[in-house]
């Protein structure tokens, strides 16, 4: 009976030892498997993190390039604004100068208009004097036409028209000049101011100044004024 009890007890101890050993082996295998799986999972996580970080780094580089581009653009705009501001200041100075020039031209035109009126009075006086002289002078004929001049004054060398003012007509047009002044050699328009028209435009110059040969603008130069007068 005692032997039987001892054999049962030995069997139970063996079973317990076997269970403990089997549990230890399973635990060790689980630990080993976990230690193998954990680096793989960590590596996958790190790889994903590295990829995300690389993407973020690319984004940072793109933003840096964009910021550098925008900064350059801002500098260029600042330079352009400074240039435009300088140009506006120069234009303002030019406009002030031109306004002063226009005022001076207005004063000059008023002076020249008075001079034209004085010339008209003088021409009327000369016309009266010519008419008075015509009754006293002998009347030569024209060297081209041969017509007798009742005014006692020569006619134009080409047209042969009688000049009631005692002044020659233009060598191209041959129109009588009531102002006693020649017309332009191309246009032939009568100048009420006693000044020639431009050889291209043919505009009357009320300022006693010649126009430009292409544009027709009045030239406010003293030299041109001297030539016109």
Protein backbone atom coordinates (compact mmCIF):
# COMPACT_ATOMS: atom_id res chain seq x y z
CA UNK A 1 0.00 0.00 0.00
CA UNK A 2 2.82 2.36 0.85
CA UNK A 3 4.64 1.49 -2.35
CA UNK A 4 1.56 2.26 -4.38
CA UNK A 5 1.21 5.63 -2.76
CA UNK A 6 4.87 6.39 -3.46
CA UNK A 7 4.57 5.42 -7.10
CA UNK A 8 1.49 7.67 -7.50
CA UNK A 9 3.32 10.51 -5.88
CA UNK A 10 6.33 10.01 -8.15
CA UNK A 11 4.05 9.98 -11.19
CA UNK A 12 2.42 13.23 -10.18
CA UNK A 13 5.79 14.88 -9.63
CA UNK A 14 6.94 13.72 -13.04
CA UNK A 15 3.84 15.12 -14.64
CA UNK A 16 4.36 18.42 -12.87
CA UNK A 17 7.99 18.51 -13.95
CA UNK A 18 6.95 17.68 -17.53
CA UNK A 19 4.33 20.46 -17.50
CA UNK A 20 6.81 22.91 -16.11
CA UNK A 21 9.41 21.97 -18.69
CA UNK A 22 6.89 22.11 -21.55
CA UNK A 23 5.60 25.50 -20.34
CA UNK A 24 9.17 26.78 -20.07
CA UNK A 25 9.92 25.58 -23.59
CA UNK A 26 6.75 27.18 -24.99
CA UNK A 27 7.49 30.40 -23.15
CA UNK A 28 11.06 30.43 -24.42
CA UNK A 29 9.83 29.80 -27.97
CA UNK A 30 7.27 32.57 -27.64
CA UNK A 31 9.91 34.95 -26.36
CA UNK A 32 12.23 34.02 -29.19
CA UNK A 33 9.47 34.43 -31.76
CA UNK A 34 8.49 37.79 -30.28
CA UNK A 35 12.12 38.93 -30.31
CA UNK A 36 12.27 37.96 -33.99
CA UNK A 37 8.96 39.60 -34.99
CA UNK A 38 9.47 42.83 -33.04
CA UNK A 39 12.52 44.02 -35.06
CA UNK A 40 10.66 43.29 -38.27
CA UNK A 41 7.66 45.31 -37.15
CA UNK A 42 9.93 48.08 -35.89
CA UNK A 43 11.85 48.05 -39.17
CA UNK A 44 8.66 48.33 -41.19
CA UNK A 45 7.53 51.21 -38.98
CA UNK A 46 10.87 52.94 -39.30
CA UNK A 47 10.89 52.43 -43.07
CA UNK A 48 7.46 54.01 -43.32
CA UNK A 49 8.62 56.87 -41.10
CA UNK A 50 11.74 57.39 -43.20
CA UNK A 51 9.64 57.52 -46.38
CA UNK A 52 7.30 60.04 -44.79
CA UNK A 53 10.25 62.09 -43.59
CA UNK A 54 11.79 61.98 -47.08
CA UNK A 55 8.51 63.22 -48.51
CA UNK A 56 8.45 65.99 -45.92
CA UNK A 57 12.06 66.88 -46.74
CA UNK A 58 11.15 67.17 -50.42
CA UNK A 59 8.25 69.41 -49.47
CA UNK A 60 10.57 71.56 -47.35
CA UNK A 61 13.00 71.90 -50.27
CA UNK A 62 10.16 72.86 -52.60
CA UNK A 63 8.93 75.42 -50.10
CA UNK A 64 12.45 76.80 -49.73
CA UNK A 65 12.77 77.12 -53.51
CA UNK A 66 9.34 78.75 -53.68
CA UNK A 67 10.24 81.17 -50.90
CA UNK A 68 13.53 82.05 -52.65
CA UNK A 69 11.63 82.61 -55.91
CA UNK A 70 9.01 84.74 -54.20
CA UNK A 71 11.71 86.73 -52.42
CA UNK A 72 13.44 87.38 -55.76
CA UNK A 73 10.10 88.37 -57.28
CA UNK A 74 9.46 90.76 -54.40
CA UNK A 75 12.90 92.32 -54.87
CA UNK A 76 12.28 92.70 -58.60
CA UNK A 77 8.88 94.28 -57.91
CA UNK A 78 10.48 96.65 -55.44
CA UNK A 79 13.07 97.64 -58.03
CA UNK A 80 10.31 98.09 -60.62
CA UNK A 81 8.26 100.21 -58.23
CA UNK A 82 11.30 102.34 -57.46
CA UNK A 83 11.94 102.76 -61.20
CA UNK A 84 8.31 103.64 -61.88
CA UNK A 85 8.29 106.10 -58.99
CA UNK A 86 11.41 107.76 -60.40
CA UNK A 87 9.79 107.84 -63.85
CA UNK A 88 6.65 109.43 -62.38
CA UNK A 89 8.78 112.08 -60.68
CA UNK A 90 10.62 112.77 -63.94
CA UNK A 91 7.31 112.99 -65.81
CA UNK A 92 5.97 115.40 -63.20
CA UNK A 93 9.05 117.58 -63.64
CA UNK A 94 8.65 117.37 -67.44
CA UNK A 95 4.96 118.29 -67.21
CA UNK A 96 5.81 121.27 -65.00
CA UNK A 97 8.45 122.34 -67.55
CA UNK A 98 6.05 121.92 -70.45
CA UNK A 99 3.37 123.87 -68.62
CA UNK A 100 5.83 126.71 -68.12
CA UNK A 101 6.78 126.46 -71.81
CA UNK A 102 3.09 126.62 -72.82
CA UNK A 103 2.64 129.74 -70.70
CA UNK A 104 5.70 131.30 -72.35
CA UNK A 105 4.35 130.34 -75.80
CA UNK A 106 1.02 131.93 -74.96
CA UNK A 107 2.77 135.16 -74.06
CA UNK A 108 4.84 134.95 -77.26
CA UNK A 109 1.73 134.30 -79.36
CA UNK A 110 -0.01 137.33 -77.84
CA UNK A 111 3.07 139.44 -78.67
CA UNK A 112 3.28 138.09 -82.24
CA UNK A 113 -0.43 138.62 -82.80
CA UNK A 114 0.04 142.28 -81.90
CA UNK A 115 2.98 142.39 -84.31
CA UNK A 116 0.82 140.88 -87.09
CA UNK A 117 -1.84 143.53 -86.48
CA UNK A 118 0.82 146.22 -86.73
CA UNK A 119 2.09 144.65 -89.98
CA UNK A 120 -1.45 144.69 -91.39
CA UNK A 121 -1.75 148.41 -90.67
CA UNK A 122 1.63 149.00 -92.32
CA UNK A 123 0.61 146.97 -95.39
CA UNK A 124 -2.60 148.99 -95.73
CA UNK A 125 -0.52 152.17 -95.63
CA UNK A 126 1.90 150.79 -98.23
CA UNK A 127 -0.98 149.75 -100.47
CA UNK A 128 -2.34 153.29 -100.40
CA UNK A 129 1.14 154.64 -101.18
CA UNK A 130 1.53 152.23 -104.13
CA UNK A 131 -1.80 153.32 -105.60
CA UNK A 132 -0.78 156.96 -105.33
CA UNK A 133 2.58 156.27 -107.01
CA UNK A 134 0.98 154.33 -109.86
CA UNK A 135 -0.52 157.46 -111.37
CA UNK A 136 2.89 159.12 -111.56
CA UNK A 137 5.22 156.40 -112.81
CA UNK A 138 5.85 155.19 -116.30
CA UNK A 139 4.50 151.71 -116.86
CA UNK A 140 7.10 149.10 -117.94
CA UNK A 141 6.00 145.88 -119.60
CA UNK A 142 6.75 142.44 -118.21
CA UNK A 143 9.82 140.68 -119.61
CA UNK A 144 7.85 137.49 -120.22
CA UNK A 145 4.28 138.41 -120.99
CA UNK A 146 4.66 141.94 -122.36
CA UNK A 147 1.54 143.24 -120.69
CA UNK A 148 1.34 146.88 -119.66
CA UNK A 149 1.20 147.30 -115.91
CA UNK A 150 -1.27 149.99 -114.89
CA UNK A 151 0.24 150.13 -111.42
CA UNK A 152 3.69 150.99 -112.65
CA UNK A 153 5.05 147.86 -110.96
CA UNK A 154 6.56 144.70 -112.51
CA UNK A 155 4.55 141.51 -112.76
CA UNK A 156 5.82 138.08 -111.85
CA UNK A 157 8.43 136.70 -114.23
CA UNK A 158 6.32 133.62 -114.99
CA UNK A 159 2.67 134.39 -114.45
CA UNK A 160 2.44 137.99 -115.62
CA UNK A 161 -0.46 138.87 -113.35
CA UNK A 162 -0.91 142.45 -112.24
CA UNK A 163 0.03 142.94 -108.60
CA UNK A 164 -2.16 145.56 -106.95
CA UNK A 165 0.13 145.51 -103.91
CA UNK A 166 3.29 146.12 -105.86
CA UNK A 167 4.74 142.81 -104.63
CA UNK A 168 5.65 139.68 -106.61
CA UNK A 169 3.58 136.52 -106.49
CA UNK A 170 4.94 133.12 -105.64
CA UNK A 171 7.12 131.46 -108.29
CA UNK A 172 4.94 128.32 -108.31
CA UNK A 173 1.37 129.31 -107.58
CA UNK A 174 1.23 132.90 -108.82
CA UNK A 175 -1.59 133.88 -106.45
CA UNK A 176 -1.98 137.49 -105.46
CA UNK A 177 -0.93 138.09 -101.90
CA UNK A 178 -3.17 140.61 -100.15
CA UNK A 179 -0.66 140.78 -97.32
CA UNK A 180 2.24 141.63 -99.59
CA UNK A 181 4.06 138.43 -98.58
CA UNK A 182 4.94 135.34 -100.64
CA UNK A 183 3.11 132.04 -100.30
CA UNK A 184 4.78 128.72 -99.68
CA UNK A 185 6.62 127.21 -102.63
CA UNK A 186 4.55 124.01 -102.50
CA UNK A 187 1.21 124.73 -100.92
CA UNK A 188 0.51 128.22 -102.18
CA UNK A 189 -1.86 129.11 -99.34
CA UNK A 190 -2.27 132.74 -98.41
CA UNK A 191 -0.76 133.49 -95.02
CA UNK A 192 -2.78 136.06 -93.07
CA UNK A 193 0.10 136.35 -90.64
CA UNK A 194 2.64 137.16 -93.32
CA UNK A 195 4.55 133.95 -92.64
CA UNK A 196 5.29 130.95 -94.88
CA UNK A 197 3.59 127.60 -94.39
CA UNK A 198 5.48 124.37 -93.91
CA UNK A 199 6.67 122.65 -97.07
CA UNK A 200 4.96 119.38 -96.06
CA UNK A 201 1.92 120.25 -93.99
CA UNK A 202 0.94 123.67 -95.29
CA UNK A 203 -0.53 124.79 -91.97
CA UNK A 204 -0.78 128.46 -91.14
CA UNK A 205 1.48 129.37 -88.25
CA UNK A 206 -0.17 131.94 -85.95
CA UNK A 207 2.88 131.97 -83.73
CA UNK A 208 5.28 133.33 -86.36
CA UNK A 209 7.30 130.10 -86.02
CA UNK A 210 7.95 127.40 -88.65
CA UNK A 211 6.45 123.93 -88.31
CA UNK A 212 8.49 120.76 -88.38
CA UNK A 213 9.05 119.38 -91.87
CA UNK A 214 7.41 116.05 -91.00
CA UNK A 215 5.20 116.43 -87.96
CA UNK A 216 3.88 119.95 -88.32
CA UNK A 217 4.65 120.93 -84.72
CA UNK A 218 5.58 124.46 -83.81
CA UNK A 219 9.27 124.87 -83.02
CA UNK A 220 9.84 127.19 -80.02
CA UNK A 221 13.51 127.83 -80.80
CA UNK A 222 15.02 131.27 -80.95
CA UNK A 223 16.96 130.35 -84.09
CA UNK A 224 13.82 129.28 -85.92
CA UNK A 225 12.06 132.41 -84.71
CA UNK A 226 14.89 134.52 -86.10
CA UNK A 227 14.68 132.74 -89.46
CA UNK A 228 10.91 133.16 -89.60
CA UNK A 229 11.08 136.87 -88.83
